[in-house]
């Protein structure tokens, strides 16, 4: 079985003979913590490389050396995320399995940011996407048009920020981490804004 294809399994097998208490080691000081950090970073880097390799077919626009740079940045971010969430680890799975997911997530975030690099994010609540579908029937196009007109009317009940966030995320499908970076805010804040906007819209459309 190739360790390049199954890096997490290979890492876990390598540590089975000498399983360490990761949480204790990462909270310790000196050589013990340094060794744990080095092993953890190596795991996270393998995970990031694995995720990039898995999605290689959709990354034709990224050169090899840039892929390695993305993997390194993802591993760096994942390491900081793991260290910041040690209190959340409950031991329901291996620590390495738990940590591995952070690297997969960060690799995905980095890829989305790279895909949107240089692309304009129009922060305009009137920047609606084109919704016409040439394969639709005249009746379907009419129903679609009526639905969007109702949605437009309902969106007047939202705040300006809620309209901008809803239009960007829900209508124009801007990745939430990309929008958070452009607006200088957090994913959590955008999720809250989007949730509130959807709740208001649902109530308004039900009234209509």
C-alpha atoms as a PDB file:
ATOM      1  CA  UNK A   1       0.000   0.000   0.000  1.00  0.00           C
ATOM      2  CA  UNK A   2       1.516   3.323  -1.065  1.00  0.00           C
ATOM      3  CA  UNK A   3       2.301   5.782   1.711  1.00  0.00           C
ATOM      4  CA  UNK A   4       1.815   8.563  -0.869  1.00  0.00           C
ATOM      5  CA  UNK A   5      -1.803   7.554  -1.360  1.00  0.00           C
ATOM      6  CA  UNK A   6      -2.593   6.911   2.296  1.00  0.00           C
ATOM      7  CA  UNK A   7      -0.440   9.340   4.301  1.00  0.00           C
ATOM      8  CA  UNK A   8      -2.698   9.396   7.351  1.00  0.00           C
ATOM      9  CA  UNK A   9      -2.773   5.603   7.614  1.00  0.00           C
ATOM     10  CA  UNK A  10       0.994   5.434   7.176  1.00  0.00           C
ATOM     11  CA  UNK A  11       1.516   8.085   9.861  1.00  0.00           C
ATOM     12  CA  UNK A  12      -0.762   6.283  12.298  1.00  0.00           C
ATOM     13  CA  UNK A  13       0.973   2.953  11.711  1.00  0.00           C
ATOM     14  CA  UNK A  14       4.348   4.610  12.269  1.00  0.00           C
ATOM     15  CA  UNK A  15       3.235   5.967  15.634  1.00  0.00           C
ATOM     16  CA  UNK A  16       1.289   2.910  16.856  1.00  0.00           C
ATOM     17  CA  UNK A  17       4.390   1.400  18.431  1.00  0.00           C
ATOM     18  CA  UNK A  18       5.091   4.599  20.366  1.00  0.00           C
ATOM     19  CA  UNK A  19       1.825   6.397  20.814  1.00  0.00           C
ATOM     20  CA  UNK A  20       2.343   9.639  22.696  1.00  0.00           C
ATOM     21  CA  UNK A  21      -0.058  11.786  24.641  1.00  0.00           C
ATOM     22  CA  UNK A  22      -0.205  14.580  22.104  1.00  0.00           C
ATOM     23  CA  UNK A  23      -2.117  17.026  24.268  1.00  0.00           C
ATOM     24  CA  UNK A  24       0.316  16.643  27.152  1.00  0.00           C
ATOM     25  CA  UNK A  25       3.338  16.827  24.849  1.00  0.00           C
ATOM     26  CA  UNK A  26       2.088  19.927  23.045  1.00  0.00           C
ATOM     27  CA  UNK A  27       1.417  21.656  26.359  1.00  0.00           C
ATOM     28  CA  UNK A  28       4.790  20.779  27.792  1.00  0.00           C
ATOM     29  CA  UNK A  29       7.996  22.751  27.432  1.00  0.00           C
ATOM     30  CA  UNK A  30      11.431  22.164  26.034  1.00  0.00           C
ATOM     31  CA  UNK A  31      12.535  19.207  23.933  1.00  0.00           C
ATOM     32  CA  UNK A  32       9.340  17.181  24.414  1.00  0.00           C
ATOM     33  CA  UNK A  33       7.159  19.952  22.995  1.00  0.00           C
ATOM     34  CA  UNK A  34       9.613  20.691  20.176  1.00  0.00           C
ATOM     35  CA  UNK A  35       9.583  17.041  19.109  1.00  0.00           C
ATOM     36  CA  UNK A  36       5.790  16.873  19.234  1.00  0.00           C
ATOM     37  CA  UNK A  37       5.490  20.056  17.171  1.00  0.00           C
ATOM     38  CA  UNK A  38       7.904  18.705  14.581  1.00  0.00           C
ATOM     39  CA  UNK A  39       6.003  15.420  14.247  1.00  0.00           C
ATOM     40  CA  UNK A  40       2.656  17.181  14.131  1.00  0.00           C
ATOM     41  CA  UNK A  41       3.789  19.632  11.466  1.00  0.00           C
ATOM     42  CA  UNK A  42       5.108  16.761   9.354  1.00  0.00           C
ATOM     43  CA  UNK A  43       1.704  15.071   9.586  1.00  0.00           C
ATOM     44  CA  UNK A  44      -0.153  18.260   8.653  1.00  0.00           C
ATOM     45  CA  UNK A  45       2.142  18.896   5.696  1.00  0.00           C
ATOM     46  CA  UNK A  46       1.537  15.343   4.429  1.00  0.00           C
ATOM     47  CA  UNK A  47      -2.188  15.884   4.788  1.00  0.00           C
ATOM     48  CA  UNK A  48      -2.104  19.179   2.883  1.00  0.00           C
ATOM     49  CA  UNK A  49      -0.042  17.621   0.091  1.00  0.00           C
ATOM     50  CA  UNK A  50      -2.461  14.701  -0.057  1.00  0.00           C
ATOM     51  CA  UNK A  51      -5.462  17.012  -0.435  1.00  0.00           C
ATOM     52  CA  UNK A  52      -3.744  19.023  -3.170  1.00  0.00           C
ATOM     53  CA  UNK A  53      -2.780  15.813  -4.952  1.00  0.00           C
ATOM     54  CA  UNK A  54      -6.333  14.524  -4.712  1.00  0.00           C
ATOM     55  CA  UNK A  55      -7.602  17.681  -6.395  1.00  0.00           C
ATOM     56  CA  UNK A  56      -4.740  17.961  -8.890  1.00  0.00           C
ATOM     57  CA  UNK A  57      -7.050  17.609 -11.902  1.00  0.00           C
ATOM     58  CA  UNK A  58      -8.769  20.905 -11.078  1.00  0.00           C
ATOM     59  CA  UNK A  59      -5.499  22.754 -10.418  1.00  0.00           C
ATOM     60  CA  UNK A  60      -4.103  23.061 -13.931  1.00  0.00           C
ATOM     61  CA  UNK A  61      -3.632  26.802 -13.362  1.00  0.00           C
ATOM     62  CA  UNK A  62      -1.253  26.212 -10.431  1.00  0.00           C
ATOM     63  CA  UNK A  63       2.411  25.366 -11.023  1.00  0.00           C
ATOM     64  CA  UNK A  64       4.269  22.698  -9.061  1.00  0.00           C
ATOM     65  CA  UNK A  65       6.338  25.028  -6.885  1.00  0.00           C
ATOM     66  CA  UNK A  66       3.235  27.064  -6.061  1.00  0.00           C
ATOM     67  CA  UNK A  67       1.428  23.894  -4.976  1.00  0.00           C
ATOM     68  CA  UNK A  68       4.192  23.198  -2.480  1.00  0.00           C
ATOM     69  CA  UNK A  69       3.929  26.765  -1.211  1.00  0.00           C
ATOM     70  CA  UNK A  70       0.171  26.347  -0.775  1.00  0.00           C
ATOM     71  CA  UNK A  71       0.738  23.069   1.099  1.00  0.00           C
ATOM     72  CA  UNK A  72       3.244  24.750   3.423  1.00  0.00           C
ATOM     73  CA  UNK A  73       0.898  27.659   4.157  1.00  0.00           C
ATOM     74  CA  UNK A  74      -1.983  25.247   4.789  1.00  0.00           C
ATOM     75  CA  UNK A  75       0.163  23.211   7.197  1.00  0.00           C
ATOM     76  CA  UNK A  76       1.221  26.391   9.008  1.00  0.00           C
ATOM     77  CA  UNK A  77      -2.389  27.519   9.417  1.00  0.00           C
ATOM     78  CA  UNK A  78      -3.504  24.027  10.440  1.00  0.00           C
ATOM     79  CA  UNK A  79      -0.808  23.837  13.107  1.00  0.00           C
ATOM     80  CA  UNK A  80      -1.950  27.128  14.623  1.00  0.00           C
ATOM     81  CA  UNK A  81      -5.578  25.951  14.476  1.00  0.00           C
ATOM     82  CA  UNK A  82      -4.768  22.646  16.222  1.00  0.00           C
ATOM     83  CA  UNK A  83      -2.800  24.386  18.964  1.00  0.00           C
ATOM     84  CA  UNK A  84      -5.631  26.862  19.451  1.00  0.00           C
ATOM     85  CA  UNK A  85      -8.227  24.101  19.794  1.00  0.00           C
ATOM     86  CA  UNK A  86      -6.442  21.604  22.018  1.00  0.00           C
ATOM     87  CA  UNK A  87      -9.158  22.057  24.643  1.00  0.00           C
ATOM     88  CA  UNK A  88     -11.718  20.853  22.077  1.00  0.00           C
ATOM     89  CA  UNK A  89     -10.052  17.460  21.626  1.00  0.00           C
ATOM     90  CA  UNK A  90     -12.112  14.860  23.491  1.00  0.00           C
ATOM     91  CA  UNK A  91     -10.316  11.677  22.454  1.00  0.00           C
ATOM     92  CA  UNK A  92     -13.221  10.304  20.399  1.00  0.00           C
ATOM     93  CA  UNK A  93     -10.696   9.462  17.664  1.00  0.00           C
ATOM     94  CA  UNK A  94      -6.929   9.337  17.359  1.00  0.00           C
ATOM     95  CA  UNK A  95      -5.352  12.727  17.848  1.00  0.00           C
ATOM     96  CA  UNK A  96      -3.609  12.354  14.490  1.00  0.00           C
ATOM     97  CA  UNK A  97      -6.952  11.698  12.776  1.00  0.00           C
ATOM     98  CA  UNK A  98      -8.483  14.724  14.496  1.00  0.00           C
ATOM     99  CA  UNK A  99      -5.558  16.970  13.560  1.00  0.00           C
ATOM    100  CA  UNK A 100      -5.423  15.638   9.998  1.00  0.00           C
ATOM    101  CA  UNK A 101      -8.804  17.198   9.235  1.00  0.00           C
ATOM    102  CA  UNK A 102      -7.503  20.680  10.019  1.00  0.00           C
ATOM    103  CA  UNK A 103      -4.913  20.368   7.263  1.00  0.00           C
ATOM    104  CA  UNK A 104      -7.526  19.160   4.758  1.00  0.00           C
ATOM    105  CA  UNK A 105      -9.709  22.129   5.630  1.00  0.00           C
ATOM    106  CA  UNK A 106      -6.898  24.670   5.395  1.00  0.00           C
ATOM    107  CA  UNK A 107      -5.723  23.230   2.076  1.00  0.00           C
ATOM    108  CA  UNK A 108      -9.231  23.696   0.700  1.00  0.00           C
ATOM    109  CA  UNK A 109      -9.353  27.261   1.993  1.00  0.00           C
ATOM    110  CA  UNK A 110      -6.006  28.073   0.376  1.00  0.00           C
ATOM    111  CA  UNK A 111      -7.135  26.589  -2.932  1.00  0.00           C
ATOM    112  CA  UNK A 112     -10.332  28.637  -2.975  1.00  0.00           C
ATOM    113  CA  UNK A 113      -8.380  31.799  -2.240  1.00  0.00           C
ATOM    114  CA  UNK A 114      -5.940  30.959  -5.018  1.00  0.00           C
ATOM    115  CA  UNK A 115      -8.782  30.330  -7.471  1.00  0.00           C
ATOM    116  CA  UNK A 116     -10.241  33.756  -6.683  1.00  0.00           C
ATOM    117  CA  UNK A 117      -6.889  35.534  -6.746  1.00  0.00           C
ATOM    118  CA  UNK A 118      -7.167  38.477  -9.113  1.00  0.00           C
ATOM    119  CA  UNK A 119     -10.919  38.003  -9.516  1.00  0.00           C
ATOM    120  CA  UNK A 120     -13.138  40.889  -8.543  1.00  0.00           C
ATOM    121  CA  UNK A 121     -15.655  40.337  -5.782  1.00  0.00           C
ATOM    122  CA  UNK A 122     -18.445  42.808  -6.491  1.00  0.00           C
ATOM    123  CA  UNK A 123     -19.742  43.936  -3.107  1.00  0.00           C
ATOM    124  CA  UNK A 124     -22.966  45.347  -4.439  1.00  0.00           C
ATOM    125  CA  UNK A 125     -26.359  44.189  -3.223  1.00  0.00           C
ATOM    126  CA  UNK A 126     -27.679  44.674  -6.758  1.00  0.00           C
ATOM    127  CA  UNK A 127     -25.000  42.453  -8.354  1.00  0.00           C
ATOM    128  CA  UNK A 128     -27.355  39.604  -9.127  1.00  0.00           C
ATOM    129  CA  UNK A 129     -26.131  36.710 -11.274  1.00  0.00           C
ATOM    130  CA  UNK A 130     -27.616  35.957 -14.657  1.00  0.00           C
ATOM    131  CA  UNK A 131     -30.415  33.438 -14.098  1.00  0.00           C
ATOM    132  CA  UNK A 132     -31.610  32.809 -17.633  1.00  0.00           C
ATOM    133  CA  UNK A 133     -31.411  29.172 -18.718  1.00  0.00           C
ATOM    134  CA  UNK A 134     -31.664  28.607 -22.471  1.00  0.00           C
ATOM    135  CA  UNK A 135     -32.785  25.022 -21.853  1.00  0.00           C
ATOM    136  CA  UNK A 136     -35.810  26.131 -19.820  1.00  0.00           C
ATOM    137  CA  UNK A 137     -39.274  26.400 -21.259  1.00  0.00           C
ATOM    138  CA  UNK A 138     -41.088  29.722 -21.507  1.00  0.00           C
ATOM    139  CA  UNK A 139     -43.235  28.750 -18.503  1.00  0.00           C
ATOM    140  CA  UNK A 140     -40.207  27.819 -16.412  1.00  0.00           C
ATOM    141  CA  UNK A 141     -38.473  31.090 -17.292  1.00  0.00           C
ATOM    142  CA  UNK A 142     -41.589  33.020 -16.270  1.00  0.00           C
ATOM    143  CA  UNK A 143     -41.812  31.197 -12.940  1.00  0.00           C
ATOM    144  CA  UNK A 144     -38.116  31.752 -12.346  1.00  0.00           C
ATOM    145  CA  UNK A 145     -38.459  35.448 -13.105  1.00  0.00           C
ATOM    146  CA  UNK A 146     -41.423  35.787 -10.743  1.00  0.00           C
ATOM    147  CA  UNK A 147     -39.532  33.972  -7.984  1.00  0.00           C
ATOM    148  CA  UNK A 148     -36.556  36.298  -8.278  1.00  0.00           C
ATOM    149  CA  UNK A 149     -38.786  39.363  -8.301  1.00  0.00           C
ATOM    150  CA  UNK A 150     -40.354  38.170  -5.055  1.00  0.00           C
ATOM    151  CA  UNK A 151     -36.896  37.640  -3.625  1.00  0.00           C
ATOM    152  CA  UNK A 152     -35.794  41.117  -4.708  1.00  0.00           C
ATOM    153  CA  UNK A 153     -38.822  42.629  -2.989  1.00  0.00           C
ATOM    154  CA  UNK A 154     -38.162  40.621   0.174  1.00  0.00           C
ATOM    155  CA  UNK A 155     -34.513  41.722   0.240  1.00  0.00           C
ATOM    156  CA  UNK A 156     -35.580  45.332   0.777  1.00  0.00           C
ATOM    157  CA  UNK A 157     -36.314  44.237   4.359  1.00  0.00           C
ATOM    158  CA  UNK A 158     -32.657  43.398   4.932  1.00  0.00           C
ATOM    159  CA  UNK A 159     -29.962  45.753   6.112  1.00  0.00           C
ATOM    160  CA  UNK A 160     -27.417  46.915   3.550  1.00  0.00           C
ATOM    161  CA  UNK A 161     -24.767  44.578   5.018  1.00  0.00           C
ATOM    162  CA  UNK A 162     -27.162  41.634   4.996  1.00  0.00           C
ATOM    163  CA  UNK A 163     -28.016  42.276   1.329  1.00  0.00           C
ATOM    164  CA  UNK A 164     -24.341  42.496   0.344  1.00  0.00           C
ATOM    165  CA  UNK A 165     -23.427  39.294   2.178  1.00  0.00           C
ATOM    166  CA  UNK A 166     -26.471  37.356   0.960  1.00  0.00           C
ATOM    167  CA  UNK A 167     -25.919  38.453  -2.653  1.00  0.00           C
ATOM    168  CA  UNK A 168     -22.235  37.535  -2.589  1.00  0.00           C
ATOM    169  CA  UNK A 169     -22.544  34.199  -0.781  1.00  0.00           C
ATOM    170  CA  UNK A 170     -25.957  32.834  -1.692  1.00  0.00           C
ATOM    171  CA  UNK A 171     -26.464  34.267  -5.181  1.00  0.00           C
ATOM    172  CA  UNK A 172     -22.969  34.726  -6.617  1.00  0.00           C
ATOM    173  CA  UNK A 173     -21.414  31.769  -4.739  1.00  0.00           C
ATOM    174  CA  UNK A 174     -18.345  33.634  -3.518  1.00  0.00           C
ATOM    175  CA  UNK A 175     -16.449  31.296  -1.104  1.00  0.00           C
ATOM    176  CA  UNK A 176     -17.037  32.491   2.440  1.00  0.00           C
ATOM    177  CA  UNK A 177     -13.334  32.521   3.341  1.00  0.00           C
ATOM    178  CA  UNK A 178     -12.617  34.654   0.259  1.00  0.00           C
ATOM    179  CA  UNK A 179     -15.343  37.116   1.205  1.00  0.00           C
ATOM    180  CA  UNK A 180     -14.123  37.219   4.810  1.00  0.00           C
ATOM    181  CA  UNK A 181     -10.625  38.079   3.591  1.00  0.00           C
ATOM    182  CA  UNK A 182     -11.875  40.821   1.250  1.00  0.00           C
ATOM    183  CA  UNK A 183     -14.077  42.382   3.938  1.00  0.00           C
ATOM    184  CA  UNK A 184     -11.533  42.025   6.728  1.00  0.00           C
ATOM    185  CA  UNK A 185     -13.915  40.024   8.891  1.00  0.00           C
ATOM    186  CA  UNK A 186     -14.344  36.429  10.072  1.00  0.00           C
ATOM    187  CA  UNK A 187     -16.207  33.428   8.693  1.00  0.00           C
ATOM    188  CA  UNK A 188     -18.236  33.312  11.891  1.00  0.00           C
ATOM    189  CA  UNK A 189     -19.411  36.897  11.482  1.00  0.00           C
ATOM    190  CA  UNK A 190     -20.433  36.237   7.877  1.00  0.00           C
ATOM    191  CA  UNK A 191     -22.273  33.038   8.828  1.00  0.00           C
ATOM    192  CA  UNK A 192     -24.207  35.014  11.447  1.00  0.00           C
ATOM    193  CA  UNK A 193     -25.095  37.741   8.927  1.00  0.00           C
ATOM    194  CA  UNK A 194     -26.141  35.167   6.335  1.00  0.00           C
ATOM    195  CA  UNK A 195     -28.240  33.268   8.884  1.00  0.00           C
ATOM    196  CA  UNK A 196     -30.053  36.432   9.960  1.00  0.00           C
ATOM    197  CA  UNK A 197     -30.638  37.429   6.326  1.00  0.00           C
ATOM    198  CA  UNK A 198     -32.114  34.046   5.435  1.00  0.00           C
ATOM    199  CA  UNK A 199     -34.366  34.108   8.495  1.00  0.00           C
ATOM    200  CA  UNK A 200     -35.728  37.525   7.522  1.00  0.00           C
ATOM    201  CA  UNK A 201     -36.196  36.502   3.904  1.00  0.00           C
ATOM    202  CA  UNK A 202     -38.002  33.305   4.858  1.00  0.00           C
ATOM    203  CA  UNK A 203     -40.422  35.228   7.065  1.00  0.00           C
ATOM    204  CA  UNK A 204     -41.025  37.885   4.375  1.00  0.00           C
ATOM    205  CA  UNK A 205     -41.609  35.319   1.616  1.00  0.00           C
ATOM    206  CA  UNK A 206     -44.010  33.382   3.807  1.00  0.00           C
ATOM    207  CA  UNK A 207     -46.003  36.590   4.324  1.00  0.00           C
ATOM    208  CA  UNK A 208     -46.103  37.146   0.565  1.00  0.00           C
END
